[in-house]
Amino acid sequence: MAWVVEVDADKCTGDEECVNACPAQVLELVDGKAEPVNQDECLGCETCVEVCPEGAITVSED
């Protein structure tokens, strides 16, 4: 099963909460915004969704 991580760049404030919380290092800051750079490593745990204060991240099954 594959997971799709999407970040709404308009909502993302670049506070790095999701980057630091992700156990699989799926997200990195790119130009001040969170970006799913290692999509294939996503565990589907949704930790990034839980810690994002802006509600900018969604995780769904592919």
PDB file of N, CA and C in Angstrom:
ATOM      1  N   MET A   1       0.833  -1.176   0.000  1.00  0.00           N
ATOM      2  CA  MET A   1       0.000   0.000   0.000  1.00  0.00           C
ATOM      3  C   MET A   1       0.885   1.250   0.000  1.00  0.00           C
ATOM      4  N   ALA A   2       0.515   2.199  -0.809  1.00  0.00           N
ATOM      5  CA  ALA A   2       1.275   3.440  -0.895  1.00  0.00           C
ATOM      6  C   ALA A   2       0.454   4.580  -0.287  1.00  0.00           C
ATOM      7  N   TRP A   3       1.153   5.548   0.241  1.00  0.00           N
ATOM      8  CA  TRP A   3       0.524   6.723   0.853  1.00  0.00           C
ATOM      9  C   TRP A   3       0.912   7.958   0.069  1.00  0.00           C
ATOM     10  N   VAL A   4      -0.001   8.897  -0.012  1.00  0.00           N
ATOM     11  CA  VAL A   4       0.241  10.161  -0.709  1.00  0.00           C
ATOM     12  C   VAL A   4       0.172  11.279   0.327  1.00  0.00           C
ATOM     13  N   VAL A   5       1.255  12.027   0.436  1.00  0.00           N
ATOM     14  CA  VAL A   5       1.325  13.161   1.348  1.00  0.00           C
ATOM     15  C   VAL A   5       1.218  14.432   0.510  1.00  0.00           C
ATOM     16  N   GLU A   6       0.268  15.272   0.865  1.00  0.00           N
ATOM     17  CA  GLU A   6       0.100  16.527   0.147  1.00  0.00           C
ATOM     18  C   GLU A   6       0.159  17.686   1.136  1.00  0.00           C
ATOM     19  N   VAL A   7       0.843  18.755   0.713  1.00  0.00           N
ATOM     20  CA  VAL A   7       0.973  19.949   1.546  1.00  0.00           C
ATOM     21  C   VAL A   7       0.361  21.119   0.785  1.00  0.00           C
ATOM     22  N   ASP A   8      -0.567  21.803   1.430  1.00  0.00           N
ATOM     23  CA  ASP A   8      -1.162  23.010   0.861  1.00  0.00           C
ATOM     24  C   ASP A   8      -0.194  24.160   1.124  1.00  0.00           C
ATOM     25  N   ALA A   9       0.533  24.558   0.103  1.00  0.00           N
ATOM     26  CA  ALA A   9       1.572  25.586   0.248  1.00  0.00           C
ATOM     27  C   ALA A   9       1.004  26.925   0.703  1.00  0.00           C
ATOM     28  N   ASP A  10      -0.259  27.185   0.390  1.00  0.00           N
ATOM     29  CA  ASP A  10      -0.880  28.443   0.816  1.00  0.00           C
ATOM     30  C   ASP A  10      -1.095  28.481   2.325  1.00  0.00           C
ATOM     31  N   LYS A  11      -1.311  27.315   2.942  1.00  0.00           N
ATOM     32  CA  LYS A  11      -1.521  27.243   4.390  1.00  0.00           C
ATOM     33  C   LYS A  11      -0.224  27.051   5.169  1.00  0.00           C
ATOM     34  N   CYS A  12       0.776  26.432   4.554  1.00  0.00           N
ATOM     35  CA  CYS A  12       2.024  26.093   5.240  1.00  0.00           C
ATOM     36  C   CYS A  12       2.792  27.349   5.643  1.00  0.00           C
ATOM     37  N   THR A  13       3.191  27.404   6.924  1.00  0.00           N
ATOM     38  CA  THR A  13       3.969  28.547   7.423  1.00  0.00           C
ATOM     39  C   THR A  13       5.446  28.210   7.579  1.00  0.00           C
ATOM     40  N   GLY A  14       5.815  26.947   7.299  1.00  0.00           N
ATOM     41  CA  GLY A  14       7.218  26.554   7.354  1.00  0.00           C
ATOM     42  C   GLY A  14       7.791  26.462   8.746  1.00  0.00           C
ATOM     43  N   ASP A  15       6.971  26.103   9.739  1.00  0.00           N
ATOM     44  CA  ASP A  15       7.457  26.049  11.118  1.00  0.00           C
ATOM     45  C   ASP A  15       8.244  24.772  11.445  1.00  0.00           C
ATOM     46  N   GLU A  16       8.304  23.847  10.522  1.00  0.00           N
ATOM     47  CA  GLU A  16       9.087  22.603  10.633  1.00  0.00           C
ATOM     48  C   GLU A  16       8.545  21.580  11.624  1.00  0.00           C
ATOM     49  N   GLU A  17       7.369  21.800  12.196  1.00  0.00           N
ATOM     50  CA  GLU A  17       6.804  20.820  13.135  1.00  0.00           C
ATOM     51  C   GLU A  17       6.687  19.460  12.462  1.00  0.00           C
ATOM     52  N   CYS A  18       6.154  19.437  11.255  1.00  0.00           N
ATOM     53  CA  CYS A  18       5.949  18.174  10.533  1.00  0.00           C
ATOM     54  C   CYS A  18       7.277  17.529  10.150  1.00  0.00           C
ATOM     55  N   VAL A  19       8.222  18.342   9.737  1.00  0.00           N
ATOM     56  CA  VAL A  19       9.544  17.833   9.344  1.00  0.00           C
ATOM     57  C   VAL A  19      10.196  17.123  10.519  1.00  0.00           C
ATOM     58  N   ASN A  20      10.125  17.747  11.688  1.00  0.00           N
ATOM     59  CA  ASN A  20      10.747  17.182  12.887  1.00  0.00           C
ATOM     60  C   ASN A  20       9.987  15.986  13.444  1.00  0.00           C
ATOM     61  N   ALA A  21       8.673  15.944  13.243  1.00  0.00           N
ATOM     62  CA  ALA A  21       7.849  14.880  13.822  1.00  0.00           C
ATOM     63  C   ALA A  21       7.817  13.604  12.987  1.00  0.00           C
ATOM     64  N   CYS A  22       8.041  13.698  11.700  1.00  0.00           N
ATOM     65  CA  CYS A  22       7.912  12.537  10.811  1.00  0.00           C
ATOM     66  C   CYS A  22       8.984  11.481  11.113  1.00  0.00           C
ATOM     67  N   PRO A  23       8.556  10.256  11.474  1.00  0.00           N
ATOM     68  CA  PRO A  23       9.527   9.212  11.795  1.00  0.00           C
ATOM     69  C   PRO A  23      10.243   8.637  10.569  1.00  0.00           C
ATOM     70  N   ALA A  24       9.734   8.929   9.381  1.00  0.00           N
ATOM     71  CA  ALA A  24      10.322   8.376   8.154  1.00  0.00           C
ATOM     72  C   ALA A  24      11.020   9.426   7.300  1.00  0.00           C
ATOM     73  N   GLN A  25      11.166  10.640   7.815  1.00  0.00           N
ATOM     74  CA  GLN A  25      11.815  11.735   7.087  1.00  0.00           C
ATOM     75  C   GLN A  25      11.227  11.941   5.687  1.00  0.00           C
ATOM     76  N   VAL A  26       9.905  11.941   5.612  1.00  0.00           N
ATOM     77  CA  VAL A  26       9.220  12.147   4.335  1.00  0.00           C
ATOM     78  C   VAL A  26       9.269  13.615   3.919  1.00  0.00           C
ATOM     79  N   LEU A  27       9.200  14.506   4.905  1.00  0.00           N
ATOM     80  CA  LEU A  27       9.099  15.935   4.620  1.00  0.00           C
ATOM     81  C   LEU A  27      10.410  16.680   4.865  1.00  0.00           C
ATOM     82  N   GLU A  28      10.633  17.695   4.030  1.00  0.00           N
ATOM     83  CA  GLU A  28      11.754  18.623   4.202  1.00  0.00           C
ATOM     84  C   GLU A  28      11.241  20.021   3.910  1.00  0.00           C
ATOM     85  N   LEU A  29      11.937  21.021   4.444  1.00  0.00           N
ATOM     86  CA  LEU A  29      11.601  22.398   4.092  1.00  0.00           C
ATOM     87  C   LEU A  29      12.291  22.753   2.782  1.00  0.00           C
ATOM     88  N   VAL A  30      11.515  23.220   1.831  1.00  0.00           N
ATOM     89  CA  VAL A  30      12.032  23.650   0.533  1.00  0.00           C
ATOM     90  C   VAL A  30      11.476  25.050   0.283  1.00  0.00           C
ATOM     91  N   ASP A  31      12.360  26.011   0.171  1.00  0.00           N
ATOM     92  CA  ASP A  31      11.943  27.410  -0.006  1.00  0.00           C
ATOM     93  C   ASP A  31      10.949  27.861   1.065  1.00  0.00           C
ATOM     94  N   GLY A  32      11.178  27.419   2.307  1.00  0.00           N
ATOM     95  CA  GLY A  32      10.362  27.858   3.424  1.00  0.00           C
ATOM     96  C   GLY A  32       9.026  27.148   3.577  1.00  0.00           C
ATOM     97  N   LYS A  33       8.800  26.110   2.803  1.00  0.00           N
ATOM     98  CA  LYS A  33       7.549  25.356   2.871  1.00  0.00           C
ATOM     99  C   LYS A  33       7.854  23.868   3.008  1.00  0.00           C
ATOM    100  N   ALA A  34       6.983  23.131   3.707  1.00  0.00           N
ATOM    101  CA  ALA A  34       7.144  21.682   3.822  1.00  0.00           C
ATOM    102  C   ALA A  34       6.875  21.053   2.465  1.00  0.00           C
ATOM    103  N   GLU A  35       7.691  20.077   2.129  1.00  0.00           N
ATOM    104  CA  GLU A  35       7.567  19.397   0.842  1.00  0.00           C
ATOM    105  C   GLU A  35       7.804  17.904   1.048  1.00  0.00           C
ATOM    106  N   PRO A  36       6.907  17.044   0.523  1.00  0.00           N
ATOM    107  CA  PRO A  36       7.115  15.598   0.647  1.00  0.00           C
ATOM    108  C   PRO A  36       8.172  15.128  -0.352  1.00  0.00           C
ATOM    109  N   VAL A  37       9.405  14.996   0.112  1.00  0.00           N
ATOM    110  CA  VAL A  37      10.514  14.656  -0.778  1.00  0.00           C
ATOM    111  C   VAL A  37      10.825  13.158  -0.801  1.00  0.00           C
ATOM    112  N   ASN A  38      10.336  12.437   0.191  1.00  0.00           N
ATOM    113  CA  ASN A  38      10.555  10.981   0.253  1.00  0.00           C
ATOM    114  C   ASN A  38       9.211  10.266   0.379  1.00  0.00           C
ATOM    115  N   GLN A  39       8.327  10.552  -0.543  1.00  0.00           N
ATOM    116  CA  GLN A  39       6.960  10.038  -0.529  1.00  0.00           C
ATOM    117  C   GLN A  39       6.889   8.519  -0.328  1.00  0.00           C
ATOM    118  N   ASP A  40       7.809   7.788  -0.945  1.00  0.00           N
ATOM    119  CA  ASP A  40       7.800   6.322  -0.873  1.00  0.00           C
ATOM    120  C   ASP A  40       8.059   5.788   0.533  1.00  0.00           C
ATOM    121  N   GLU A  41       8.615   6.619   1.416  1.00  0.00           N
ATOM    122  CA  GLU A  41       8.936   6.190   2.774  1.00  0.00           C
ATOM    123  C   GLU A  41       7.776   6.387   3.753  1.00  0.00           C
ATOM    124  N   CYS A  42       6.696   7.033   3.315  1.00  0.00           N
ATOM    125  CA  CYS A  42       5.583   7.347   4.209  1.00  0.00           C
ATOM    126  C   CYS A  42       4.982   6.080   4.807  1.00  0.00           C
ATOM    127  N   LEU A  43       4.783   6.109   6.138  1.00  0.00           N
ATOM    128  CA  LEU A  43       4.216   4.984   6.878  1.00  0.00           C
ATOM    129  C   LEU A  43       2.697   5.095   7.034  1.00  0.00           C
ATOM    130  N   GLY A  44       2.153   6.244   6.657  1.00  0.00           N
ATOM    131  CA  GLY A  44       0.720   6.468   6.811  1.00  0.00           C
ATOM    132  C   GLY A  44       0.296   6.732   8.242  1.00  0.00           C
ATOM    133  N   CYS A  45       1.228   7.111   9.104  1.00  0.00           N
ATOM    134  CA  CYS A  45       0.931   7.303  10.530  1.00  0.00           C
ATOM    135  C   CYS A  45       0.183   8.606  10.809  1.00  0.00           C
ATOM    136  N   GLU A  46       0.266   9.551   9.892  1.00  0.00           N
ATOM    137  CA  GLU A  46      -0.393  10.854   9.994  1.00  0.00           C
ATOM    138  C   GLU A  46       0.108  11.723  11.145  1.00  0.00           C
ATOM    139  N   THR A  47       1.309  11.448  11.631  1.00  0.00           N
ATOM    140  CA  THR A  47       1.894  12.303  12.665  1.00  0.00           C
ATOM    141  C   THR A  47       2.040  13.733  12.147  1.00  0.00           C
ATOM    142  N   CYS A  48       2.420  13.871  10.908  1.00  0.00           N
ATOM    143  CA  CYS A  48       2.588  15.204  10.311  1.00  0.00           C
ATOM    144  C   CYS A  48       1.271  15.980  10.313  1.00  0.00           C
ATOM    145  N   VAL A  49       0.180  15.277  10.031  1.00  0.00           N
ATOM    146  CA  VAL A  49      -1.148  15.894  10.023  1.00  0.00           C
ATOM    147  C   VAL A  49      -1.496  16.389  11.427  1.00  0.00           C
ATOM    148  N   GLU A  50      -1.211  15.564  12.428  1.00  0.00           N
ATOM    149  CA  GLU A  50      -1.547  15.887  13.816  1.00  0.00           C
ATOM    150  C   GLU A  50      -0.777  17.087  14.353  1.00  0.00           C
ATOM    151  N   VAL A  51       0.485  17.237  13.957  1.00  0.00           N
ATOM    152  CA  VAL A  51       1.297  18.322  14.520  1.00  0.00           C
ATOM    153  C   VAL A  51       1.211  19.627  13.730  1.00  0.00           C
ATOM    154  N   CYS A  52       0.644  19.600  12.540  1.00  0.00           N
ATOM    155  CA  CYS A  52       0.570  20.820  11.729  1.00  0.00           C
ATOM    156  C   CYS A  52      -0.504  21.764  12.285  1.00  0.00           C
ATOM    157  N   PRO A  53      -0.092  22.920  12.831  1.00  0.00           N
ATOM    158  CA  PRO A  53      -1.065  23.844  13.420  1.00  0.00           C
ATOM    159  C   PRO A  53      -1.948  24.521  12.372  1.00  0.00           C
ATOM    160  N   GLU A  54      -1.520  24.492  11.126  1.00  0.00           N
ATOM    161  CA  GLU A  54      -2.251  25.168  10.054  1.00  0.00           C
ATOM    162  C   GLU A  54      -3.207  24.241   9.305  1.00  0.00           C
ATOM    163  N   GLY A  55      -3.132  22.930   9.572  1.00  0.00           N
ATOM    164  CA  GLY A  55      -3.975  21.987   8.838  1.00  0.00           C
ATOM    165  C   GLY A  55      -3.620  21.920   7.361  1.00  0.00           C
ATOM    166  N   ALA A  56      -2.338  22.061   7.062  1.00  0.00           N
ATOM    167  CA  ALA A  56      -1.883  22.139   5.669  1.00  0.00           C
ATOM    168  C   ALA A  56      -1.551  20.793   5.041  1.00  0.00           C
ATOM    169  N   ILE A  57      -1.577  19.718   5.828  1.00  0.00           N
ATOM    170  CA  ILE A  57      -1.111  18.417   5.320  1.00  0.00           C
ATOM    171  C   ILE A  57      -2.256  17.406   5.304  1.00  0.00           C
ATOM    172  N   THR A  58      -2.293  16.631   4.225  1.00  0.00           N
ATOM    173  CA  THR A  58      -3.214  15.501   4.151  1.00  0.00           C
ATOM    174  C   THR A  58      -2.422  14.272   3.763  1.00  0.00           C
ATOM    175  N   VAL A  59      -2.844  13.126   4.301  1.00  0.00           N
ATOM    176  CA  VAL A  59      -2.235  11.836   3.965  1.00  0.00           C
ATOM    177  C   VAL A  59      -3.379  10.931   3.530  1.00  0.00           C
ATOM    178  N   SER A  60      -3.239  10.343   2.336  1.00  0.00           N
ATOM    179  CA  SER A  60      -4.292   9.462   1.839  1.00  0.00           C
ATOM    180  C   SER A  60      -3.676   8.232   1.192  1.00  0.00           C
ATOM    181  N   GLU A  61      -4.492   7.186   1.057  1.00  0.00           N
ATOM    182  CA  GLU A  61      -4.043   5.974   0.395  1.00  0.00           C
ATOM    183  C   GLU A  61      -4.032   6.193  -1.112  1.00  0.00           C
ATOM    184  N   ASP A  62      -3.029   5.617  -1.742  1.00  0.00           N
ATOM    185  CA  ASP A  62      -2.934   5.718  -3.206  1.00  0.00           C
ATOM    186  C   ASP A  62      -3.654   4.545  -3.824  1.00  0.00           C
TER     187      ASP A  62
END
